[in-house]
PDB file of N, CA and C in Angstrom:
ATOM      1  N   MET A   1     -25.111  29.537 -16.626  1.00  0.00           N
ATOM      2  CA  MET A   1     -25.908  28.399 -16.225  1.00  0.00           C
ATOM      3  C   MET A   1     -25.015  27.181 -15.983  1.00  0.00           C
ATOM      4  N   VAL A   2     -24.001  26.974 -16.826  1.00  0.00           N
ATOM      5  CA  VAL A   2     -23.112  25.832 -16.678  1.00  0.00           C
ATOM      6  C   VAL A   2     -22.293  25.965 -15.392  1.00  0.00           C
ATOM      7  N   ASN A   3     -21.813  27.153 -15.099  1.00  0.00           N
ATOM      8  CA  ASN A   3     -21.036  27.357 -13.883  1.00  0.00           C
ATOM      9  C   ASN A   3     -21.872  27.076 -12.640  1.00  0.00           C
ATOM     10  N   TYR A   4     -23.133  27.430 -12.675  1.00  0.00           N
ATOM     11  CA  TYR A   4     -24.013  27.182 -11.541  1.00  0.00           C
ATOM     12  C   TYR A   4     -24.182  25.681 -11.303  1.00  0.00           C
ATOM     13  N   ILE A   5     -24.344  24.911 -12.349  1.00  0.00           N
ATOM     14  CA  ILE A   5     -24.524  23.462 -12.213  1.00  0.00           C
ATOM     15  C   ILE A   5     -23.239  22.822 -11.684  1.00  0.00           C
ATOM     16  N   MET A   6     -22.125  23.238 -12.213  1.00  0.00           N
ATOM     17  CA  MET A   6     -20.866  22.652 -11.783  1.00  0.00           C
ATOM     18  C   MET A   6     -20.560  23.016 -10.339  1.00  0.00           C
ATOM     19  N   SER A   7     -20.885  24.218  -9.917  1.00  0.00           N
ATOM     20  CA  SER A   7     -20.582  24.601  -8.547  1.00  0.00           C
ATOM     21  C   SER A   7     -21.442  23.828  -7.558  1.00  0.00           C
ATOM     22  N   THR A   8     -22.678  23.522  -7.903  1.00  0.00           N
ATOM     23  CA  THR A   8     -23.508  22.740  -6.979  1.00  0.00           C
ATOM     24  C   THR A   8     -23.058  21.293  -6.950  1.00  0.00           C
ATOM     25  N   GLU A   9     -22.527  20.776  -8.063  1.00  0.00           N
ATOM     26  CA  GLU A   9     -22.022  19.406  -8.062  1.00  0.00           C
ATOM     27  C   GLU A   9     -20.823  19.274  -7.142  1.00  0.00           C
ATOM     28  N   SER A  10     -19.923  20.233  -7.192  1.00  0.00           N
ATOM     29  CA  SER A  10     -18.760  20.164  -6.316  1.00  0.00           C
ATOM     30  C   SER A  10     -19.177  20.333  -4.862  1.00  0.00           C
ATOM     31  N   PHE A  11     -20.187  21.134  -4.610  1.00  0.00           N
ATOM     32  CA  PHE A  11     -20.667  21.305  -3.244  1.00  0.00           C
ATOM     33  C   PHE A  11     -21.277  20.002  -2.728  1.00  0.00           C
ATOM     34  N   ASN A  12     -22.012  19.321  -3.571  1.00  0.00           N
ATOM     35  CA  ASN A  12     -22.617  18.062  -3.158  1.00  0.00           C
ATOM     36  C   ASN A  12     -21.558  17.014  -2.844  1.00  0.00           C
ATOM     37  N   ARG A  13     -20.503  16.973  -3.623  1.00  0.00           N
ATOM     38  CA  ARG A  13     -19.442  16.008  -3.357  1.00  0.00           C
ATOM     39  C   ARG A  13     -18.756  16.291  -2.035  1.00  0.00           C
ATOM     40  N   THR A  14     -18.465  17.554  -1.756  1.00  0.00           N
ATOM     41  CA  THR A  14     -17.788  17.867  -0.506  1.00  0.00           C
ATOM     42  C   THR A  14     -18.694  17.650   0.687  1.00  0.00           C
ATOM     43  N   SER A  15     -19.985  17.864   0.540  1.00  0.00           N
ATOM     44  CA  SER A  15     -20.879  17.624   1.664  1.00  0.00           C
ATOM     45  C   SER A  15     -21.001  16.128   1.945  1.00  0.00           C
ATOM     46  N   GLU A  16     -20.928  15.272   0.904  1.00  0.00           N
ATOM     47  CA  GLU A  16     -20.959  13.830   1.126  1.00  0.00           C
ATOM     48  C   GLU A  16     -19.713  13.365   1.855  1.00  0.00           C
ATOM     49  N   ILE A  17     -18.590  13.929   1.516  1.00  0.00           N
ATOM     50  CA  ILE A  17     -17.344  13.553   2.176  1.00  0.00           C
ATOM     51  C   ILE A  17     -17.371  13.979   3.639  1.00  0.00           C
ATOM     52  N   ALA A  18     -17.902  15.154   3.914  1.00  0.00           N
ATOM     53  CA  ALA A  18     -17.944  15.649   5.279  1.00  0.00           C
ATOM     54  C   ALA A  18     -18.909  14.845   6.142  1.00  0.00           C
ATOM     55  N   GLU A  19     -19.934  14.258   5.550  1.00  0.00           N
ATOM     56  CA  GLU A  19     -20.908  13.509   6.312  1.00  0.00           C
ATOM     57  C   GLU A  19     -20.388  12.144   6.741  1.00  0.00           C
ATOM     58  N   THR A  20     -19.461  11.576   6.013  1.00  0.00           N
ATOM     59  CA  THR A  20     -18.933  10.261   6.352  1.00  0.00           C
ATOM     60  C   THR A  20     -17.575  10.440   7.014  1.00  0.00           C
ATOM     61  N   PRO A  21     -17.520  10.404   8.332  1.00  0.00           N
ATOM     62  CA  PRO A  21     -16.232  10.600   9.010  1.00  0.00           C
ATOM     63  C   PRO A  21     -15.337   9.373   8.870  1.00  0.00           C
ATOM     64  N   SER A  22     -14.085   9.598   8.976  1.00  0.00           N
ATOM     65  CA  SER A  22     -13.116   8.516   8.879  1.00  0.00           C
ATOM     66  C   SER A  22     -13.144   7.696  10.165  1.00  0.00           C
ATOM     67  N   PRO A  23     -12.976   6.378  10.083  1.00  0.00           N
ATOM     68  CA  PRO A  23     -12.969   5.565  11.309  1.00  0.00           C
ATOM     69  C   PRO A  23     -11.754   5.853  12.178  1.00  0.00           C
ATOM     70  N   TYR A  24     -10.722   6.437  11.604  1.00  0.00           N
ATOM     71  CA  TYR A  24      -9.524   6.729  12.372  1.00  0.00           C
ATOM     72  C   TYR A  24      -9.672   7.989  13.210  1.00  0.00           C
ATOM     73  N   SER A  25     -10.587   8.878  12.825  1.00  0.00           N
ATOM     74  CA  SER A  25     -10.728  10.124  13.565  1.00  0.00           C
ATOM     75  C   SER A  25     -11.517   9.939  14.851  1.00  0.00           C
ATOM     76  N   GLU A  26     -12.255   8.838  14.976  1.00  0.00           N
ATOM     77  CA  GLU A  26     -13.049   8.610  16.170  1.00  0.00           C
ATOM     78  C   GLU A  26     -12.168   8.290  17.374  1.00  0.00           C
ATOM     79  N   SER A  27     -11.143   7.525  17.182  1.00  0.00           N
ATOM     80  CA  SER A  27     -10.296   7.101  18.279  1.00  0.00           C
ATOM     81  C   SER A  27      -8.899   7.682  18.100  1.00  0.00           C
ATOM     82  N   LYS A  28      -8.426   8.354  19.126  1.00  0.00           N
ATOM     83  CA  LYS A  28      -7.085   8.941  19.062  1.00  0.00           C
ATOM     84  C   LYS A  28      -6.020   7.939  19.500  1.00  0.00           C
ATOM     85  N   ARG A  29      -6.419   6.843  20.145  1.00  0.00           N
ATOM     86  CA  ARG A  29      -5.459   5.864  20.633  1.00  0.00           C
ATOM     87  C   ARG A  29      -5.074   4.879  19.535  1.00  0.00           C
ATOM     88  N   VAL A  30      -3.839   4.427  19.622  1.00  0.00           N
ATOM     89  CA  VAL A  30      -3.338   3.459  18.657  1.00  0.00           C
ATOM     90  C   VAL A  30      -2.842   2.246  19.434  1.00  0.00           C
ATOM     91  N   ASP A  31      -3.246   1.073  18.990  1.00  0.00           N
ATOM     92  CA  ASP A  31      -2.806  -0.151  19.644  1.00  0.00           C
ATOM     93  C   ASP A  31      -1.407  -0.498  19.139  1.00  0.00           C
ATOM     94  N   VAL A  32      -0.461  -0.562  20.060  1.00  0.00           N
ATOM     95  CA  VAL A  32       0.930  -0.799  19.706  1.00  0.00           C
ATOM     96  C   VAL A  32       1.115  -2.212  19.155  1.00  0.00           C
ATOM     97  N   ASP A  33       0.374  -3.173  19.688  1.00  0.00           N
ATOM     98  CA  ASP A  33       0.494  -4.547  19.208  1.00  0.00           C
ATOM     99  C   ASP A  33       0.087  -4.669  17.749  1.00  0.00           C
ATOM    100  N   VAL A  34      -0.940  -3.918  17.357  1.00  0.00           N
ATOM    101  CA  VAL A  34      -1.373  -3.938  15.961  1.00  0.00           C
ATOM    102  C   VAL A  34      -0.272  -3.368  15.070  1.00  0.00           C
ATOM    103  N   LEU A  35       0.342  -2.280  15.509  1.00  0.00           N
ATOM    104  CA  LEU A  35       1.423  -1.677  14.722  1.00  0.00           C
ATOM    105  C   LEU A  35       2.629  -2.612  14.629  1.00  0.00           C
ATOM    106  N   LYS A  36       2.946  -3.293  15.720  1.00  0.00           N
ATOM    107  CA  LYS A  36       4.055  -4.245  15.694  1.00  0.00           C
ATOM    108  C   LYS A  36       3.758  -5.398  14.738  1.00  0.00           C
ATOM    109  N   GLN A  37       2.517  -5.868  14.751  1.00  0.00           N
ATOM    110  CA  GLN A  37       2.130  -6.963  13.863  1.00  0.00           C
ATOM    111  C   GLN A  37       2.236  -6.532  12.400  1.00  0.00           C
ATOM    112  N   ARG A  38       1.784  -5.308  12.105  1.00  0.00           N
ATOM    113  CA  ARG A  38       1.897  -4.794  10.732  1.00  0.00           C
ATOM    114  C   ARG A  38       3.348  -4.692  10.307  1.00  0.00           C
ATOM    115  N   LEU A  39       4.191  -4.189  11.210  1.00  0.00           N
ATOM    116  CA  LEU A  39       5.611  -4.057  10.904  1.00  0.00           C
ATOM    117  C   LEU A  39       6.243  -5.418  10.669  1.00  0.00           C
ATOM    118  N   LEU A  40       5.855  -6.407  11.477  1.00  0.00           N
ATOM    119  CA  LEU A  40       6.378  -7.754  11.320  1.00  0.00           C
ATOM    120  C   LEU A  40       5.959  -8.355   9.981  1.00  0.00           C
ATOM    121  N   GLU A  41       4.705  -8.177   9.610  1.00  0.00           N
ATOM    122  CA  GLU A  41       4.222  -8.692   8.326  1.00  0.00           C
ATOM    123  C   GLU A  41       4.928  -8.012   7.158  1.00  0.00           C
ATOM    124  N   GLU A  42       5.132  -6.713   7.277  1.00  0.00           N
ATOM    125  CA  GLU A  42       5.821  -5.979   6.215  1.00  0.00           C
ATOM    126  C   GLU A  42       7.271  -6.441   6.092  1.00  0.00           C
ATOM    127  N   THR A  43       7.910  -6.682   7.221  1.00  0.00           N
ATOM    128  CA  THR A  43       9.288  -7.148   7.211  1.00  0.00           C
ATOM    129  C   THR A  43       9.381  -8.535   6.572  1.00  0.00           C
ATOM    130  N   LYS A  44       8.418  -9.403   6.884  1.00  0.00           N
ATOM    131  CA  LYS A  44       8.407 -10.742   6.278  1.00  0.00           C
ATOM    132  C   LYS A  44       8.244 -10.651   4.767  1.00  0.00           C
ATOM    133  N   LYS A  45       7.362  -9.769   4.304  1.00  0.00           N
ATOM    134  CA  LYS A  45       7.160  -9.605   2.864  1.00  0.00           C
ATOM    135  C   LYS A  45       8.441  -9.133   2.189  1.00  0.00           C
ATOM    136  N   GLU A  46       9.108  -8.147   2.808  1.00  0.00           N
ATOM    137  CA  GLU A  46      10.346  -7.629   2.227  1.00  0.00           C
ATOM    138  C   GLU A  46      11.428  -8.711   2.187  1.00  0.00           C
ATOM    139  N   LYS A  47      11.516  -9.512   3.252  1.00  0.00           N
ATOM    140  CA  LYS A  47      12.519 -10.567   3.296  1.00  0.00           C
ATOM    141  C   LYS A  47      12.254 -11.613   2.223  1.00  0.00           C
ATOM    142  N   LYS A  48      10.988 -11.986   2.066  1.00  0.00           N
ATOM    143  CA  LYS A  48      10.620 -12.966   1.041  1.00  0.00           C
ATOM    144  C   LYS A  48      10.938 -12.423  -0.344  1.00  0.00           C
ATOM    145  N   LYS A  49      10.651 -11.144  -0.548  1.00  0.00           N
ATOM    146  CA  LYS A  49      10.923 -10.513  -1.840  1.00  0.00           C
ATOM    147  C   LYS A  49      12.421 -10.521  -2.141  1.00  0.00           C
ATOM    148  N   ARG A  50      13.234 -10.186  -1.132  1.00  0.00           N
ATOM    149  CA  ARG A  50      14.686 -10.164  -1.319  1.00  0.00           C
ATOM    150  C   ARG A  50      15.233 -11.557  -1.624  1.00  0.00           C
ATOM    151  N   THR A  51      14.716 -12.573  -0.934  1.00  0.00           N
ATOM    152  CA  THR A  51      15.221 -13.924  -1.182  1.00  0.00           C
ATOM    153  C   THR A  51      14.823 -14.419  -2.568  1.00  0.00           C
ATOM    154  N   ILE A  52      13.631 -14.078  -3.012  1.00  0.00           N
ATOM    155  CA  ILE A  52      13.213 -14.468  -4.364  1.00  0.00           C
ATOM    156  C   ILE A  52      14.111 -13.816  -5.409  1.00  0.00           C
ATOM    157  N   ILE A  53      14.411 -12.551  -5.226  1.00  0.00           N
ATOM    158  CA  ILE A  53      15.287 -11.840  -6.167  1.00  0.00           C
ATOM    159  C   ILE A  53      16.682 -12.448  -6.145  1.00  0.00           C
ATOM    160  N   LEU A  54      17.195 -12.746  -4.948  1.00  0.00           N
ATOM    161  CA  LEU A  54      18.536 -13.323  -4.832  1.00  0.00           C
ATOM    162  C   LEU A  54      18.618 -14.680  -5.529  1.00  0.00           C
ATOM    163  N   TYR A  55      17.640 -15.549  -5.275  1.00  0.00           N
ATOM    164  CA  TYR A  55      17.651 -16.863  -5.908  1.00  0.00           C
ATOM    165  C   TYR A  55      17.450 -16.780  -7.417  1.00  0.00           C
ATOM    166  N   THR A  56      16.685 -15.815  -7.871  1.00  0.00           N
ATOM    167  CA  THR A  56      16.509 -15.629  -9.308  1.00  0.00           C
ATOM    168  C   THR A  56      17.822 -15.213  -9.963  1.00  0.00           C
ATOM    169  N   VAL A  57      18.542 -14.308  -9.316  1.00  0.00           N
ATOM    170  CA  VAL A  57      19.836 -13.870  -9.846  1.00  0.00           C
ATOM    171  C   VAL A  57      20.834 -15.032  -9.849  1.00  0.00           C
ATOM    172  N   LEU A  58      20.856 -15.786  -8.750  1.00  0.00           N
ATOM    173  CA  LEU A  58      21.781 -16.926  -8.685  1.00  0.00           C
ATOM    174  C   LEU A  58      21.437 -17.988  -9.725  1.00  0.00           C
ATOM    175  N   ALA A  59      20.169 -18.259  -9.913  1.00  0.00           N
ATOM    176  CA  ALA A  59      19.753 -19.242 -10.914  1.00  0.00           C
ATOM    177  C   ALA A  59      20.103 -18.766 -12.314  1.00  0.00           C
ATOM    178  N   SER A  60      19.939 -17.488 -12.559  1.00  0.00           N
ATOM    179  CA  SER A  60      20.283 -16.921 -13.877  1.00  0.00           C
ATOM    180  C   SER A  60      21.781 -17.039 -14.123  1.00  0.00           C
ATOM    181  N   LEU A  61      22.557 -16.704 -13.126  1.00  0.00           N
ATOM    182  CA  LEU A  61      24.020 -16.825 -13.277  1.00  0.00           C
ATOM    183  C   LEU A  61      24.424 -18.274 -13.496  1.00  0.00           C
ATOM    184  N   GLY A  62      23.802 -19.184 -12.756  1.00  0.00           N
ATOM    185  CA  GLY A  62      24.091 -20.604 -12.938  1.00  0.00           C
ATOM    186  C   GLY A  62      23.729 -21.085 -14.323  1.00  0.00           C
ATOM    187  N   ALA A  63      22.583 -20.656 -14.818  1.00  0.00           N
ATOM    188  CA  ALA A  63      22.154 -21.059 -16.169  1.00  0.00           C
ATOM    189  C   ALA A  63      23.097 -20.487 -17.221  1.00  0.00           C
ATOM    190  N   LEU A  64      23.518 -19.254 -17.054  1.00  0.00           N
ATOM    191  CA  LEU A  64      24.447 -18.655 -18.014  1.00  0.00           C
ATOM    192  C   LEU A  64      25.794 -19.364 -17.973  1.00  0.00           C
ATOM    193  N   THR A  65      26.226 -19.750 -16.787  1.00  0.00           N
ATOM    194  CA  THR A  65      27.497 -20.454 -16.677  1.00  0.00           C
ATOM    195  C   THR A  65      27.431 -21.814 -17.362  1.00  0.00           C
ATOM    196  N   ILE A  66      26.325 -22.514 -17.184  1.00  0.00           N
ATOM    197  CA  ILE A  66      26.178 -23.820 -17.826  1.00  0.00           C
ATOM    198  C   ILE A  66      26.088 -23.681 -19.337  1.00  0.00           C
ATOM    199  N   LEU A  67      25.395 -22.666 -19.812  1.00  0.00           N
ATOM    200  CA  LEU A  67      25.239 -22.474 -21.251  1.00  0.00           C
ATOM    201  C   LEU A  67      26.538 -22.049 -21.941  1.00  0.00           C
ATOM    202  N   THR A  68      27.413 -21.375 -21.227  1.00  0.00           N
ATOM    203  CA  THR A  68      28.652 -20.922 -21.866  1.00  0.00           C
ATOM    204  C   THR A  68      29.662 -22.069 -21.996  1.00  0.00           C
ATOM    205  N   TYR A  69      29.558 -23.114 -21.217  1.00  0.00           N
ATOM    206  CA  TYR A  69      30.532 -24.220 -21.307  1.00  0.00           C
ATOM    207  C   TYR A  69      29.984 -25.357 -22.068  1.00  0.00           C
TER     208      TYR A  69
END
């Protein structure tokens, strides 16, 4: 009896997933400008992250240098 209940629950979940199609499957075309914009935003985030890390390291080294003298 337990196996029967569990098997119908898994069937219901898979049927719900199959009924809601992904928005990406409807259109096979990809807008290149959108991809370029995403890449540009990602590059900006990475650059900002690198500069924050660099300045943090430099500030730490500066603070350690001041504290040692």
